[in-house]
N, C-alpha and C. Protein backbone atom coordinates (compact mmCIF):
# COMPACT_ATOMS: atom_id res chain seq x y z
N MET A 1 -10.86 -83.76 90.70
CA MET A 1 -11.99 -83.05 90.68
C MET A 1 -13.13 -84.03 91.26
N PRO A 2 -13.31 -83.99 92.31
CA PRO A 2 -14.34 -84.98 93.29
C PRO A 2 -15.85 -85.26 91.87
N ASN A 3 -15.78 -86.24 92.86
CA ASN A 3 -17.02 -87.98 92.10
C ASN A 3 -18.43 -87.14 92.67
N ILE A 4 -18.90 -86.85 93.84
CA ILE A 4 -19.86 -86.43 94.66
C ILE A 4 -20.32 -85.39 93.80
N LYS A 5 -21.98 -86.09 93.92
CA LYS A 5 -22.58 -84.54 93.07
C LYS A 5 -22.59 -83.68 93.70
N SER A 6 -23.25 -83.66 94.88
CA SER A 6 -23.74 -82.40 95.41
C SER A 6 -21.73 -81.37 95.46
N VAL A 7 -20.21 -82.16 95.82
CA VAL A 7 -19.18 -81.67 96.03
C VAL A 7 -18.80 -81.04 94.56
N ILE A 8 -18.68 -81.73 93.64
CA ILE A 8 -18.75 -80.99 92.31
C ILE A 8 -20.02 -79.82 92.46
N LYS A 9 -21.72 -79.45 92.76
CA LYS A 9 -21.70 -78.31 92.72
C LYS A 9 -21.54 -77.16 93.69
N ASP A 10 -20.41 -78.02 94.59
CA ASP A 10 -19.88 -76.68 95.73
C ASP A 10 -18.50 -76.21 95.03
N VAL A 11 -17.93 -77.00 94.04
CA VAL A 11 -16.01 -76.32 93.88
C VAL A 11 -16.81 -75.54 92.52
N LYS A 12 -18.30 -75.56 91.91
CA LYS A 12 -18.60 -74.40 90.95
C LYS A 12 -18.97 -73.53 91.58
N LYS A 13 -20.19 -73.64 92.16
CA LYS A 13 -20.14 -72.69 93.04
C LYS A 13 -19.25 -71.88 93.76
N SER A 14 -18.35 -72.23 94.53
CA SER A 14 -16.88 -71.88 94.83
C SER A 14 -15.91 -70.58 93.95
N ARG A 15 -16.22 -71.46 92.48
CA ARG A 15 -14.97 -70.65 91.48
C ARG A 15 -16.22 -69.32 91.65
N GLN A 16 -17.27 -69.38 90.81
CA GLN A 16 -18.47 -68.83 90.83
C GLN A 16 -18.12 -67.71 91.44
N ASN A 17 -17.91 -67.67 93.10
CA ASN A 17 -18.24 -67.00 94.24
C ASN A 17 -16.51 -66.35 93.76
N HIS A 18 -16.06 -66.95 93.89
CA HIS A 18 -14.39 -66.89 93.88
C HIS A 18 -14.92 -65.52 92.56
N LEU A 19 -14.88 -65.37 91.71
CA LEU A 19 -14.60 -64.58 90.31
C LEU A 19 -15.38 -63.13 91.10
N ARG A 20 -16.92 -63.46 91.36
CA ARG A 20 -17.20 -62.13 91.47
C ARG A 20 -16.84 -61.62 92.64
N ASN A 21 -16.24 -62.39 94.00
CA ASN A 21 -14.59 -61.69 94.69
C ASN A 21 -13.56 -60.78 94.35
N ILE A 22 -13.09 -60.99 93.24
CA ILE A 22 -12.56 -60.86 93.03
C ILE A 22 -12.45 -59.23 92.20
N SER A 23 -13.92 -59.46 91.16
CA SER A 23 -14.47 -58.44 90.44
C SER A 23 -14.72 -57.41 91.59
N ALA A 24 -15.37 -58.06 92.42
CA ALA A 24 -15.62 -56.86 93.56
C ALA A 24 -14.47 -55.91 94.63
N LYS A 25 -13.31 -56.71 94.51
CA LYS A 25 -12.46 -56.52 94.93
C LYS A 25 -11.69 -55.23 94.03
N SER A 26 -11.84 -56.12 93.17
CA SER A 26 -11.09 -55.28 92.04
C SER A 26 -11.85 -53.57 91.88
N ALA A 27 -12.81 -53.82 91.65
CA ALA A 27 -13.92 -52.14 91.75
C ALA A 27 -13.83 -51.82 92.26
N MET A 28 -13.34 -51.99 93.89
CA MET A 28 -13.28 -51.23 95.08
C MET A 28 -12.36 -50.36 95.32
N LYS A 29 -10.99 -50.81 95.07
CA LYS A 29 -9.88 -50.91 94.86
C LYS A 29 -9.34 -49.74 93.11
N THR A 30 -10.11 -49.68 92.45
CA THR A 30 -10.17 -48.64 91.28
C THR A 30 -10.86 -47.78 92.13
N TYR A 31 -12.75 -48.34 92.71
CA TYR A 31 -13.08 -46.60 93.69
C TYR A 31 -12.08 -45.52 94.23
N ILE A 32 -11.47 -46.63 94.54
CA ILE A 32 -10.03 -45.85 96.31
C ILE A 32 -8.92 -45.37 95.05
N LYS A 33 -8.47 -45.73 94.16
CA LYS A 33 -7.08 -45.16 93.11
C LYS A 33 -7.76 -43.88 92.89
N LYS A 34 -9.62 -44.06 92.12
CA LYS A 34 -9.81 -42.39 91.38
C LYS A 34 -10.08 -41.36 92.21
N ALA A 35 -10.78 -42.23 93.76
CA ALA A 35 -10.88 -40.69 95.10
C ALA A 35 -9.26 -40.64 95.03
N ASN A 36 -8.46 -40.96 95.21
CA ASN A 36 -6.95 -40.58 95.36
C ASN A 36 -6.78 -39.70 94.03
N ALA A 37 -7.14 -39.64 93.09
CA ALA A 37 -6.27 -39.12 92.01
C ALA A 37 -6.93 -37.05 92.33
N THR A 38 -8.16 -37.81 92.58
CA THR A 38 -9.26 -36.00 92.38
C THR A 38 -8.93 -36.04 94.25
N VAL A 39 -8.67 -36.42 95.30
CA VAL A 39 -7.97 -35.66 95.92
C VAL A 39 -6.51 -34.97 96.18
N ALA A 40 -5.73 -35.41 94.77
CA ALA A 40 -4.19 -35.27 94.38
C ALA A 40 -4.68 -34.24 93.55
N ALA A 41 -6.01 -34.18 92.85
CA ALA A 41 -5.67 -32.52 92.07
C ALA A 41 -6.63 -31.75 92.62
N GLY A 42 -7.27 -32.24 94.13
CA GLY A 42 -8.01 -30.83 94.57
C GLY A 42 -9.23 -30.25 94.24
N ASP A 43 -9.76 -30.43 93.35
CA ASP A 43 -11.46 -30.01 93.39
C ASP A 43 -12.17 -30.40 94.68
N THR A 44 -12.72 -29.46 95.29
CA THR A 44 -13.58 -29.80 96.46
C THR A 44 -14.73 -30.31 96.54
N ASP A 45 -15.50 -30.39 95.66
CA ASP A 45 -16.71 -30.44 95.03
C ASP A 45 -16.81 -31.99 94.88
N ALA A 46 -15.20 -32.62 93.63
CA ALA A 46 -15.57 -33.23 92.94
C ALA A 46 -14.81 -34.36 93.61
N ILE A 47 -14.17 -34.18 95.05
CA ILE A 47 -13.35 -34.93 96.45
C ILE A 47 -14.51 -35.45 96.89
N THR A 48 -15.25 -34.44 96.86
CA THR A 48 -16.75 -34.82 98.54
C THR A 48 -17.38 -35.48 97.02
N ALA A 49 -17.75 -36.01 96.25
CA ALA A 49 -18.31 -36.96 95.40
C ALA A 49 -17.67 -38.12 95.33
N ALA A 50 -16.75 -38.14 95.21
CA ALA A 50 -15.70 -38.86 94.58
C ALA A 50 -15.60 -39.53 96.71
N VAL A 51 -15.28 -39.49 97.49
CA VAL A 51 -15.27 -39.59 98.05
C VAL A 51 -16.53 -40.90 99.02
N ALA A 52 -17.29 -39.41 98.85
CA ALA A 52 -18.85 -40.76 99.02
C ALA A 52 -19.02 -42.06 98.26
N LYS A 53 -19.29 -41.49 97.02
CA LYS A 53 -19.15 -42.98 97.00
C LYS A 53 -18.05 -44.24 96.78
N THR A 54 -16.90 -43.62 97.39
CA THR A 54 -15.67 -44.69 97.44
C THR A 54 -16.18 -45.20 99.16
N VAL A 55 -17.19 -44.67 99.94
CA VAL A 55 -16.94 -45.19 101.34
C VAL A 55 -18.52 -45.84 101.34
N SER A 56 -19.48 -45.69 100.02
CA SER A 56 -20.02 -46.27 99.80
C SER A 56 -20.01 -47.66 99.16
N VAL A 57 -19.16 -48.40 98.00
CA VAL A 57 -18.37 -48.62 97.86
C VAL A 57 -17.70 -49.72 98.65
N ILE A 58 -16.91 -49.13 98.82
CA ILE A 58 -15.81 -49.81 100.58
C ILE A 58 -16.92 -50.99 101.48
N ASP A 59 -18.41 -49.85 101.36
CA ASP A 59 -19.20 -51.06 102.85
C ASP A 59 -20.22 -52.00 102.22
N LYS A 60 -19.87 -51.56 100.66
CA LYS A 60 -20.70 -52.34 100.45
C LYS A 60 -20.08 -53.87 99.98
N THR A 61 -18.63 -53.33 99.69
CA THR A 61 -17.84 -54.49 100.11
C THR A 61 -18.12 -55.32 101.03
N ALA A 62 -17.15 -54.33 102.44
CA ALA A 62 -17.47 -55.49 103.79
C ALA A 62 -19.04 -55.32 103.85
N GLU A 63 -19.40 -55.29 103.80
CA GLU A 63 -21.32 -55.76 104.51
C GLU A 63 -21.20 -57.82 103.78
N ARG A 64 -21.41 -57.29 102.54
CA ARG A 64 -21.35 -59.16 101.40
C ARG A 64 -20.12 -59.50 101.91
N GLY A 65 -19.28 -59.70 102.71
CA GLY A 65 -18.35 -60.12 103.29
C GLY A 65 -16.60 -60.79 102.31
N ILE A 66 -16.48 -59.54 101.23
CA ILE A 66 -15.56 -59.56 100.91
C ILE A 66 -14.29 -59.21 101.85
N ILE A 67 -14.59 -57.96 102.51
CA ILE A 67 -13.43 -57.44 102.61
C ILE A 67 -13.48 -57.21 104.35
N HIS A 68 -12.96 -57.91 104.92
CA HIS A 68 -13.32 -57.84 107.05
C HIS A 68 -13.90 -55.99 107.41
N LYS A 69 -14.12 -56.34 108.03
CA LYS A 69 -14.98 -55.27 107.92
C LYS A 69 -13.96 -53.87 108.56
N ASN A 70 -12.84 -54.67 109.29
CA ASN A 70 -11.57 -53.69 109.88
C ASN A 70 -11.71 -53.02 108.61
N ALA A 71 -10.63 -54.33 108.17
CA ALA A 71 -10.15 -53.47 106.38
C ALA A 71 -10.58 -52.29 106.11
N ALA A 72 -12.30 -52.33 105.65
CA ALA A 72 -13.08 -51.64 105.25
C ALA A 72 -12.91 -50.28 106.14
N ALA A 73 -12.89 -50.36 107.57
CA ALA A 73 -13.02 -49.26 108.22
C ALA A 73 -11.52 -48.23 107.84
N ARG A 74 -10.21 -49.39 108.11
CA ARG A 74 -9.10 -49.03 107.98
C ARG A 74 -8.87 -48.12 105.87
N ARG A 75 -9.54 -48.88 105.46
CA ARG A 75 -9.81 -48.59 103.74
C ARG A 75 -9.84 -46.79 104.19
N LYS A 76 -11.28 -47.16 105.09
CA LYS A 76 -11.94 -44.87 104.62
C LYS A 76 -11.72 -44.49 105.08
N SER A 77 -10.57 -44.37 106.47
CA SER A 77 -10.33 -43.89 107.54
C SER A 77 -9.32 -43.07 106.71
N ARG A 78 -8.45 -44.46 105.86
CA ARG A 78 -6.72 -43.36 105.60
C ARG A 78 -8.12 -42.08 103.87
N LEU A 79 -8.69 -42.87 103.59
CA LEU A 79 -9.32 -42.09 102.24
C LEU A 79 -9.67 -40.87 103.05
N MET A 80 -10.29 -40.53 104.13
CA MET A 80 -10.66 -39.07 104.78
C MET A 80 -10.05 -38.68 105.26
N LYS A 81 -9.10 -39.16 105.26
CA LYS A 81 -7.69 -38.40 106.38
C LYS A 81 -7.08 -37.39 105.02
N ARG A 82 -6.89 -38.15 103.83
CA ARG A 82 -5.91 -37.57 102.39
C ARG A 82 -7.31 -35.94 102.66
N ALA A 83 -8.78 -36.58 101.95
CA ALA A 83 -9.51 -35.95 101.98
C ALA A 83 -9.77 -35.07 102.12
N ASN A 84 -9.22 -34.88 103.61
CA ASN A 84 -10.06 -33.78 105.24
C ASN A 84 -8.19 -32.74 105.07
N LYS A 85 -7.56 -32.80 104.40
CA LYS A 85 -5.77 -33.04 104.46
C LYS A 85 -6.17 -32.26 103.34
N ALA A 86 -6.52 -32.35 102.09
CA ALA A 86 -6.74 -31.46 101.33
C ALA A 86 -7.92 -30.19 101.41
N ALA A 87 -8.89 -30.69 101.29
CA ALA A 87 -10.36 -30.09 101.84
C ALA A 87 -9.36 -28.70 102.47
N PRO A 88 -9.06 -28.42 102.99
CA PRO A 88 -8.44 -27.34 103.69
C PRO A 88 -7.20 -25.94 102.68
N ALA A 89 -6.78 -26.59 102.23
CA ALA A 89 -5.62 -26.48 101.78
C ALA A 89 -6.42 -25.64 100.24
N SER A 90 -7.44 -25.78 99.92
CA SER A 90 -8.12 -25.67 98.74
C SER A 90 -9.14 -24.35 99.76
């Protein structure tokens, strides 16, 4: 543990940020799993709503710097690819 007061504060803040980032990343992954499950179920209206909400959550996560913007783009692309493949089938 550091002895300098400002460094102690930095460590504390870093731990808080780390916990918040883990929580946000976990929530994003949960939304992605739910959207994938909706796509597998095949309800067109539900797919549209789930994908829109998930894309929004991914964008917010990238905007806050929790994931890289290219990682966000990749996740959205894969999700949209699955959704578009399921949409014509139904």
